[in-house]
Amino acid sequence: MHGCSECARLWREYNFVNSMFLTIAGNRHLASIQQDRVARASIEALYQEAAERRRTTRKGLKDHQATHDAAPEAREGSTSFASA
């Protein structure tokens, strides 16, 4: 990152959302392996919500990164989302 407070905030948000998504996805997978239809059904709505939140958070991060990529002074030393 290049010192942008919005980048830092967006990365923190993305990391949190992604961690929650991975936890839910792991629980969903475990329920599938154990063939626990009740657990899988109860997790499904959470999984879908977490997946959508991860998509929108990632898009927000990429959109913000694009504002830096467009600015010549931001090109030096910036950390692109694509490299993460």
PDB file of N, CA and C in Angstrom:
ATOM      1  N   MET A   1       0.832  -1.179   0.000  1.00  0.00           N
ATOM      2  CA  MET A   1       0.000   0.000   0.000  1.00  0.00           C
ATOM      3  C   MET A   1       0.870   1.233   0.000  1.00  0.00           C
ATOM      4  N   HIS A   2       0.302   2.329  -0.333  1.00  0.00           N
ATOM      5  CA  HIS A   2       1.064   3.551  -0.492  1.00  0.00           C
ATOM      6  C   HIS A   2       0.620   4.632   0.461  1.00  0.00           C
ATOM      7  N   GLY A   3       0.146   4.256   1.635  1.00  0.00           N
ATOM      8  CA  GLY A   3      -0.208   5.241   2.638  1.00  0.00           C
ATOM      9  C   GLY A   3      -1.631   5.756   2.546  1.00  0.00           C
ATOM     10  N   CYS A   4      -2.433   5.196   1.707  1.00  0.00           N
ATOM     11  CA  CYS A   4      -3.817   5.635   1.554  1.00  0.00           C
ATOM     12  C   CYS A   4      -4.658   5.007   2.669  1.00  0.00           C
ATOM     13  N   SER A   5      -5.300   5.853   3.465  1.00  0.00           N
ATOM     14  CA  SER A   5      -6.100   5.331   4.578  1.00  0.00           C
ATOM     15  C   SER A   5      -7.313   4.546   4.084  1.00  0.00           C
ATOM     16  N   GLU A   6      -7.847   4.919   2.942  1.00  0.00           N
ATOM     17  CA  GLU A   6      -8.990   4.176   2.384  1.00  0.00           C
ATOM     18  C   GLU A   6      -8.552   2.789   1.922  1.00  0.00           C
ATOM     19  N   CYS A   7      -7.366   2.678   1.338  1.00  0.00           N
ATOM     20  CA  CYS A   7      -6.837   1.363   0.962  1.00  0.00           C
ATOM     21  C   CYS A   7      -6.700   0.482   2.199  1.00  0.00           C
ATOM     22  N   ALA A   8      -6.134   1.045   3.252  1.00  0.00           N
ATOM     23  CA  ALA A   8      -5.937   0.285   4.488  1.00  0.00           C
ATOM     24  C   ALA A   8      -7.285  -0.178   5.044  1.00  0.00           C
ATOM     25  N   ARG A   9      -8.266   0.695   5.053  1.00  0.00           N
ATOM     26  CA  ARG A   9      -9.587   0.339   5.561  1.00  0.00           C
ATOM     27  C   ARG A   9     -10.216  -0.764   4.715  1.00  0.00           C
ATOM     28  N   LEU A  10     -10.128  -0.619   3.399  1.00  0.00           N
ATOM     29  CA  LEU A  10     -10.717  -1.611   2.502  1.00  0.00           C
ATOM     30  C   LEU A  10     -10.023  -2.968   2.632  1.00  0.00           C
ATOM     31  N   TRP A  11      -8.702  -2.968   2.788  1.00  0.00           N
ATOM     32  CA  TRP A  11      -7.988  -4.231   2.974  1.00  0.00           C
ATOM     33  C   TRP A  11      -8.383  -4.896   4.285  1.00  0.00           C
ATOM     34  N   ARG A  12      -8.526  -4.092   5.361  1.00  0.00           N
ATOM     35  CA  ARG A  12      -8.962  -4.670   6.637  1.00  0.00           C
ATOM     36  C   ARG A  12     -10.351  -5.279   6.503  1.00  0.00           C
ATOM     37  N   GLU A  13     -11.233  -4.550   5.847  1.00  0.00           N
ATOM     38  CA  GLU A  13     -12.597  -5.053   5.648  1.00  0.00           C
ATOM     39  C   GLU A  13     -12.586  -6.331   4.810  1.00  0.00           C
ATOM     40  N   TYR A  14     -11.815  -6.323   3.718  1.00  0.00           N
ATOM     41  CA  TYR A  14     -11.748  -7.509   2.867  1.00  0.00           C
ATOM     42  C   TYR A  14     -11.181  -8.704   3.634  1.00  0.00           C
ATOM     43  N   ASN A  15     -10.135  -8.495   4.400  1.00  0.00           N
ATOM     44  CA  ASN A  15      -9.541  -9.589   5.172  1.00  0.00           C
ATOM     45  C   ASN A  15     -10.534 -10.168   6.165  1.00  0.00           C
ATOM     46  N   PHE A  16     -11.295  -9.313   6.840  1.00  0.00           N
ATOM     47  CA  PHE A  16     -12.300  -9.775   7.793  1.00  0.00           C
ATOM     48  C   PHE A  16     -13.397 -10.568   7.083  1.00  0.00           C
ATOM     49  N   VAL A  17     -13.931  -9.994   6.010  1.00  0.00           N
ATOM     50  CA  VAL A  17     -15.007 -10.641   5.257  1.00  0.00           C
ATOM     51  C   VAL A  17     -14.528 -11.969   4.674  1.00  0.00           C
ATOM     52  N   ASN A  18     -13.337 -11.990   4.138  1.00  0.00           N
ATOM     53  CA  ASN A  18     -12.796 -13.211   3.555  1.00  0.00           C
ATOM     54  C   ASN A  18     -12.597 -14.289   4.621  1.00  0.00           C
ATOM     55  N   SER A  19     -12.117 -13.904   5.785  1.00  0.00           N
ATOM     56  CA  SER A  19     -11.941 -14.852   6.877  1.00  0.00           C
ATOM     57  C   SER A  19     -13.286 -15.459   7.290  1.00  0.00           C
ATOM     58  N   MET A  20     -14.304 -14.633   7.397  1.00  0.00           N
ATOM     59  CA  MET A  20     -15.638 -15.123   7.750  1.00  0.00           C
ATOM     60  C   MET A  20     -16.166 -16.064   6.661  1.00  0.00           C
ATOM     61  N   PHE A  21     -15.970 -15.678   5.407  1.00  0.00           N
ATOM     62  CA  PHE A  21     -16.416 -16.522   4.300  1.00  0.00           C
ATOM     63  C   PHE A  21     -15.743 -17.895   4.355  1.00  0.00           C
ATOM     64  N   LEU A  22     -14.437 -17.906   4.564  1.00  0.00           N
ATOM     65  CA  LEU A  22     -13.710 -19.172   4.595  1.00  0.00           C
ATOM     66  C   LEU A  22     -14.147 -20.057   5.763  1.00  0.00           C
ATOM     67  N   THR A  23     -14.447 -19.447   6.889  1.00  0.00           N
ATOM     68  CA  THR A  23     -14.952 -20.212   8.036  1.00  0.00           C
ATOM     69  C   THR A  23     -16.295 -20.855   7.700  1.00  0.00           C
ATOM     70  N   ILE A  24     -17.189 -20.067   7.140  1.00  0.00           N
ATOM     71  CA  ILE A  24     -18.518 -20.578   6.773  1.00  0.00           C
ATOM     72  C   ILE A  24     -18.396 -21.637   5.685  1.00  0.00           C
ATOM     73  N   ALA A  25     -17.544 -21.378   4.695  1.00  0.00           N
ATOM     74  CA  ALA A  25     -17.356 -22.356   3.609  1.00  0.00           C
ATOM     75  C   ALA A  25     -16.807 -23.669   4.162  1.00  0.00           C
ATOM     76  N   GLY A  26     -15.895 -23.592   5.131  1.00  0.00           N
ATOM     77  CA  GLY A  26     -15.363 -24.794   5.746  1.00  0.00           C
ATOM     78  C   GLY A  26     -16.436 -25.581   6.486  1.00  0.00           C
ATOM     79  N   ASN A  27     -17.280 -24.867   7.208  1.00  0.00           N
ATOM     80  CA  ASN A  27     -18.377 -25.526   7.918  1.00  0.00           C
ATOM     81  C   ASN A  27     -19.375 -26.144   6.942  1.00  0.00           C
ATOM     82  N   ARG A  28     -19.613 -25.465   5.850  1.00  0.00           N
ATOM     83  CA  ARG A  28     -20.520 -25.976   4.810  1.00  0.00           C
ATOM     84  C   ARG A  28     -19.950 -27.258   4.205  1.00  0.00           C
ATOM     85  N   HIS A  29     -18.662 -27.226   3.924  1.00  0.00           N
ATOM     86  CA  HIS A  29     -17.993 -28.389   3.347  1.00  0.00           C
ATOM     87  C   HIS A  29     -18.022 -29.576   4.319  1.00  0.00           C
ATOM     88  N   LEU A  30     -17.761 -29.293   5.578  1.00  0.00           N
ATOM     89  CA  LEU A  30     -17.794 -30.339   6.594  1.00  0.00           C
ATOM     90  C   LEU A  30     -19.188 -30.966   6.685  1.00  0.00           C
ATOM     91  N   ALA A  31     -20.209 -30.135   6.660  1.00  0.00           N
ATOM     92  CA  ALA A  31     -21.584 -30.657   6.697  1.00  0.00           C
ATOM     93  C   ALA A  31     -21.857 -31.545   5.484  1.00  0.00           C
ATOM     94  N   SER A  32     -21.313 -31.172   4.341  1.00  0.00           N
ATOM     95  CA  SER A  32     -21.488 -31.987   3.137  1.00  0.00           C
ATOM     96  C   SER A  32     -20.785 -33.331   3.269  1.00  0.00           C
ATOM     97  N   ILE A  33     -19.552 -33.294   3.754  1.00  0.00           N
ATOM     98  CA  ILE A  33     -18.788 -34.528   3.918  1.00  0.00           C
ATOM     99  C   ILE A  33     -19.491 -35.467   4.895  1.00  0.00           C
ATOM    100  N   GLN A  34     -20.020 -34.881   5.955  1.00  0.00           N
ATOM    101  CA  GLN A  34     -20.703 -35.687   6.973  1.00  0.00           C
ATOM    102  C   GLN A  34     -22.136 -36.042   6.565  1.00  0.00           C
ATOM    103  N   GLN A  35     -22.535 -35.577   5.393  1.00  0.00           N
ATOM    104  CA  GLN A  35     -23.881 -35.802   4.865  1.00  0.00           C
ATOM    105  C   GLN A  35     -24.947 -35.361   5.869  1.00  0.00           C
ATOM    106  N   ASP A  36     -24.687 -34.221   6.496  1.00  0.00           N
ATOM    107  CA  ASP A  36     -25.607 -33.642   7.476  1.00  0.00           C
ATOM    108  C   ASP A  36     -26.465 -32.608   6.765  1.00  0.00           C
ATOM    109  N   ARG A  37     -27.605 -33.057   6.254  1.00  0.00           N
ATOM    110  CA  ARG A  37     -28.473 -32.193   5.459  1.00  0.00           C
ATOM    111  C   ARG A  37     -29.047 -31.037   6.271  1.00  0.00           C
ATOM    112  N   VAL A  38     -29.332 -31.276   7.528  1.00  0.00           N
ATOM    113  CA  VAL A  38     -29.889 -30.220   8.382  1.00  0.00           C
ATOM    114  C   VAL A  38     -28.859 -29.109   8.587  1.00  0.00           C
ATOM    115  N   ALA A  39     -27.633 -29.485   8.930  1.00  0.00           N
ATOM    116  CA  ALA A  39     -26.571 -28.494   9.115  1.00  0.00           C
ATOM    117  C   ALA A  39     -26.283 -27.770   7.811  1.00  0.00           C
ATOM    118  N   ARG A  40     -26.218 -28.514   6.721  1.00  0.00           N
ATOM    119  CA  ARG A  40     -25.934 -27.910   5.417  1.00  0.00           C
ATOM    120  C   ARG A  40     -27.014 -26.896   5.052  1.00  0.00           C
ATOM    121  N   ALA A  41     -28.271 -27.242   5.289  1.00  0.00           N
ATOM    122  CA  ALA A  41     -29.374 -26.327   4.972  1.00  0.00           C
ATOM    123  C   ALA A  41     -29.313 -25.072   5.837  1.00  0.00           C
ATOM    124  N   SER A  42     -28.947 -25.226   7.102  1.00  0.00           N
ATOM    125  CA  SER A  42     -28.892 -24.057   7.985  1.00  0.00           C
ATOM    126  C   SER A  42     -27.708 -23.147   7.644  1.00  0.00           C
ATOM    127  N   ILE A  43     -26.663 -23.704   7.090  1.00  0.00           N
ATOM    128  CA  ILE A  43     -25.466 -22.937   6.726  1.00  0.00           C
ATOM    129  C   ILE A  43     -25.615 -22.265   5.359  1.00  0.00           C
ATOM    130  N   GLU A  44     -26.443 -22.806   4.499  1.00  0.00           N
ATOM    131  CA  GLU A  44     -26.510 -22.349   3.104  1.00  0.00           C
ATOM    132  C   GLU A  44     -26.803 -20.858   2.970  1.00  0.00           C
ATOM    133  N   ALA A  45     -27.777 -20.349   3.723  1.00  0.00           N
ATOM    134  CA  ALA A  45     -28.102 -18.919   3.623  1.00  0.00           C
ATOM    135  C   ALA A  45     -26.923 -18.055   4.077  1.00  0.00           C
ATOM    136  N   LEU A  46     -26.261 -18.478   5.150  1.00  0.00           N
ATOM    137  CA  LEU A  46     -25.076 -17.752   5.620  1.00  0.00           C
ATOM    138  C   LEU A  46     -23.968 -17.778   4.577  1.00  0.00           C
ATOM    139  N   TYR A  47     -23.806 -18.937   3.958  1.00  0.00           N
ATOM    140  CA  TYR A  47     -22.779 -19.086   2.926  1.00  0.00           C
ATOM    141  C   TYR A  47     -23.049 -18.145   1.745  1.00  0.00           C
ATOM    142  N   GLN A  48     -24.277 -18.108   1.275  1.00  0.00           N
ATOM    143  CA  GLN A  48     -24.632 -17.252   0.142  1.00  0.00           C
ATOM    144  C   GLN A  48     -24.429 -15.775   0.489  1.00  0.00           C
ATOM    145  N   GLU A  49     -24.840 -15.394   1.685  1.00  0.00           N
ATOM    146  CA  GLU A  49     -24.663 -14.011   2.131  1.00  0.00           C
ATOM    147  C   GLU A  49     -23.183 -13.648   2.239  1.00  0.00           C
ATOM    148  N   ALA A  50     -22.396 -14.555   2.807  1.00  0.00           N
ATOM    149  CA  ALA A  50     -20.955 -14.309   2.953  1.00  0.00           C
ATOM    150  C   ALA A  50     -20.266 -14.235   1.591  1.00  0.00           C
ATOM    151  N   ALA A  51     -20.684 -15.078   0.659  1.00  0.00           N
ATOM    152  CA  ALA A  51     -20.095 -15.059  -0.692  1.00  0.00           C
ATOM    153  C   ALA A  51     -20.403 -13.740  -1.387  1.00  0.00           C
ATOM    154  N   GLU A  52     -21.634 -13.262  -1.241  1.00  0.00           N
ATOM    155  CA  GLU A  52     -22.007 -11.989  -1.864  1.00  0.00           C
ATOM    156  C   GLU A  52     -21.255 -10.827  -1.216  1.00  0.00           C
ATOM    157  N   ARG A  53     -21.134 -10.851   0.081  1.00  0.00           N
ATOM    158  CA  ARG A  53     -20.412  -9.776   0.761  1.00  0.00           C
ATOM    159  C   ARG A  53     -18.940  -9.780   0.356  1.00  0.00           C
ATOM    160  N   ARG A  54     -18.362 -10.973   0.202  1.00  0.00           N
ATOM    161  CA  ARG A  54     -16.966 -11.056  -0.246  1.00  0.00           C
ATOM    162  C   ARG A  54     -16.822 -10.486  -1.648  1.00  0.00           C
ATOM    163  N   ARG A  55     -17.777 -10.820  -2.534  1.00  0.00           N
ATOM    164  CA  ARG A  55     -17.725 -10.278  -3.909  1.00  0.00           C
ATOM    165  C   ARG A  55     -17.803  -8.751  -3.916  1.00  0.00           C
ATOM    166  N   THR A  56     -18.745  -8.193  -3.157  1.00  0.00           N
ATOM    167  CA  THR A  56     -18.909  -6.735  -3.174  1.00  0.00           C
ATOM    168  C   THR A  56     -17.733  -6.026  -2.506  1.00  0.00           C
ATOM    169  N   THR A  57     -17.193  -6.618  -1.459  1.00  0.00           N
ATOM    170  CA  THR A  57     -16.037  -6.024  -0.785  1.00  0.00           C
ATOM    171  C   THR A  57     -14.814  -6.050  -1.701  1.00  0.00           C
ATOM    172  N   ARG A  58     -14.634  -7.164  -2.383  1.00  0.00           N
ATOM    173  CA  ARG A  58     -13.508  -7.270  -3.317  1.00  0.00           C
ATOM    174  C   ARG A  58     -13.665  -6.273  -4.466  1.00  0.00           C
ATOM    175  N   LYS A  59     -14.879  -6.118  -4.969  1.00  0.00           N
ATOM    176  CA  LYS A  59     -15.122  -5.149  -6.042  1.00  0.00           C
ATOM    177  C   LYS A  59     -14.814  -3.731  -5.561  1.00  0.00           C
ATOM    178  N   GLY A  60     -15.233  -3.402  -4.352  1.00  0.00           N
ATOM    179  CA  GLY A  60     -14.933  -2.080  -3.802  1.00  0.00           C
ATOM    180  C   GLY A  60     -13.443  -1.835  -3.702  1.00  0.00           C
ATOM    181  N   LEU A  61     -12.712  -2.844  -3.291  1.00  0.00           N
ATOM    182  CA  LEU A  61     -11.262  -2.733  -3.196  1.00  0.00           C
ATOM    183  C   LEU A  61     -10.635  -2.555  -4.577  1.00  0.00           C
ATOM    184  N   LYS A  62     -11.078  -3.349  -5.535  1.00  0.00           N
ATOM    185  CA  LYS A  62     -10.541  -3.239  -6.900  1.00  0.00           C
ATOM    186  C   LYS A  62     -10.886  -1.891  -7.517  1.00  0.00           C
ATOM    187  N   ASP A  63     -12.115  -1.431  -7.295  1.00  0.00           N
ATOM    188  CA  ASP A  63     -12.521  -0.127  -7.836  1.00  0.00           C
ATOM    189  C   ASP A  63     -11.685   1.000  -7.235  1.00  0.00           C
ATOM    190  N   HIS A  64     -11.447   0.921  -5.938  1.00  0.00           N
ATOM    191  CA  HIS A  64     -10.617   1.945  -5.300  1.00  0.00           C
ATOM    192  C   HIS A  64      -9.179   1.873  -5.817  1.00  0.00           C
ATOM    193  N   GLN A  65      -8.663   0.667  -5.957  1.00  0.00           N
ATOM    194  CA  GLN A  65      -7.298   0.500  -6.470  1.00  0.00           C
ATOM    195  C   GLN A  65      -7.165   1.117  -7.856  1.00  0.00           C
ATOM    196  N   ALA A  66      -8.210   1.014  -8.652  1.00  0.00           N
ATOM    197  CA  ALA A  66      -8.184   1.577 -10.006  1.00  0.00           C
ATOM    198  C   ALA A  66      -7.996   3.094  -9.976  1.00  0.00           C
ATOM    199  N   THR A  67      -8.485   3.744  -8.919  1.00  0.00           N
ATOM    200  CA  THR A  67      -8.289   5.201  -8.832  1.00  0.00           C
ATOM    201  C   THR A  67      -6.816   5.525  -8.637  1.00  0.00           C
ATOM    202  N   HIS A  68      -6.092   4.650  -7.962  1.00  0.00           N
ATOM    203  CA  HIS A  68      -4.656   4.861  -7.787  1.00  0.00           C
ATOM    204  C   HIS A  68      -3.890   4.488  -9.052  1.00  0.00           C
ATOM    205  N   ASP A  69      -4.312   3.414  -9.689  1.00  0.00           N
ATOM    206  CA  ASP A  69      -3.635   2.976 -10.905  1.00  0.00           C
ATOM    207  C   ASP A  69      -3.753   4.011 -12.017  1.00  0.00           C
ATOM    208  N   ALA A  70      -4.818   4.786 -11.996  1.00  0.00           N
ATOM    209  CA  ALA A  70      -5.026   5.810 -13.020  1.00  0.00           C
ATOM    210  C   ALA A  70      -4.162   7.039 -12.770  1.00  0.00           C
ATOM    211  N   ALA A  71      -3.748   7.251 -11.532  1.00  0.00           N
ATOM    212  CA  ALA A  71      -2.940   8.417 -11.185  1.00  0.00           C
ATOM    213  C   ALA A  71      -1.459   8.083 -11.329  1.00  0.00           C
ATOM    214  N   PRO A  72      -0.729   8.849 -12.141  1.00  0.00           N
ATOM    215  CA  PRO A  72       0.692   8.549 -12.387  1.00  0.00           C
ATOM    216  C   PRO A  72       1.524   8.491 -11.105  1.00  0.00           C
ATOM    217  N   GLU A  73       1.273   9.392 -10.145  1.00  0.00           N
ATOM    218  CA  GLU A  73       2.076   9.411  -8.927  1.00  0.00           C
ATOM    219  C   GLU A  73       1.799   8.203  -8.031  1.00  0.00           C
ATOM    220  N   ALA A  74       0.696   7.519  -8.244  1.00  0.00           N
ATOM    221  CA  ALA A  74       0.343   6.372  -7.414  1.00  0.00           C
ATOM    222  C   ALA A  74       0.957   5.078  -7.927  1.00  0.00           C
ATOM    223  N   ARG A  75       1.504   5.094  -9.119  1.00  0.00           N
ATOM    224  CA  ARG A  75       2.035   3.865  -9.707  1.00  0.00           C
ATOM    225  C   ARG A  75       3.274   3.359  -8.991  1.00  0.00           C
ATOM    226  N   GLU A  76       4.092   4.269  -8.496  1.00  0.00           N
ATOM    227  CA  GLU A  76       5.325   3.866  -7.828  1.00  0.00           C
ATOM    228  C   GLU A  76       5.017   3.422  -6.410  1.00  0.00           C
ATOM    229  N   GLY A  77       5.416   2.199  -6.087  1.00  0.00           N
ATOM    230  CA  GLY A  77       5.295   1.705  -4.732  1.00  0.00           C
ATOM    231  C   GLY A  77       3.909   1.256  -4.320  1.00  0.00           C
ATOM    232  N   SER A  78       2.965   1.221  -5.244  1.00  0.00           N
ATOM    233  CA  SER A  78       1.624   0.795  -4.855  1.00  0.00           C
ATOM    234  C   SER A  78       1.531  -0.719  -4.870  1.00  0.00           C
ATOM    235  N   THR A  79       0.619  -1.238  -4.077  1.00  0.00           N
ATOM    236  CA  THR A  79       0.359  -2.667  -4.037  1.00  0.00           C
ATOM    237  C   THR A  79      -0.963  -2.909  -4.741  1.00  0.00           C
ATOM    238  N   SER A  80      -0.905  -3.572  -5.849  1.00  0.00           N
ATOM    239  CA  SER A  80      -2.104  -3.838  -6.620  1.00  0.00           C
ATOM    240  C   SER A  80      -2.879  -4.986  -6.020  1.00  0.00           C
ATOM    241  N   PHE A  81      -4.186  -4.930  -6.119  1.00  0.00           N
ATOM    242  CA  PHE A  81      -5.055  -6.008  -5.649  1.00  0.00           C
ATOM    243  C   PHE A  81      -4.741  -7.275  -6.423  1.00  0.00           C
ATOM    244  N   ALA A  82      -4.402  -7.163  -7.681  1.00  0.00           N
ATOM    245  CA  ALA A  82      -4.125  -8.333  -8.515  1.00  0.00           C
ATOM    246  C   ALA A  82      -2.942  -9.131  -7.981  1.00  0.00           C
ATOM    247  N   SER A  83      -2.032  -8.475  -7.263  1.00  0.00           N
ATOM    248  CA  SER A  83      -0.869  -9.189  -6.754  1.00  0.00           C
ATOM    249  C   SER A  83      -1.137  -9.877  -5.436  1.00  0.00           C
ATOM    250  N   ALA A  84      -2.317  -9.648  -4.849  1.00  0.00           N
ATOM    251  CA  ALA A  84      -2.652 -10.259  -3.542  1.00  0.00           C
ATOM    252  C   ALA A  84      -3.272 -11.617  -3.703  1.00  0.00           C
TER     253      ALA A  84
END
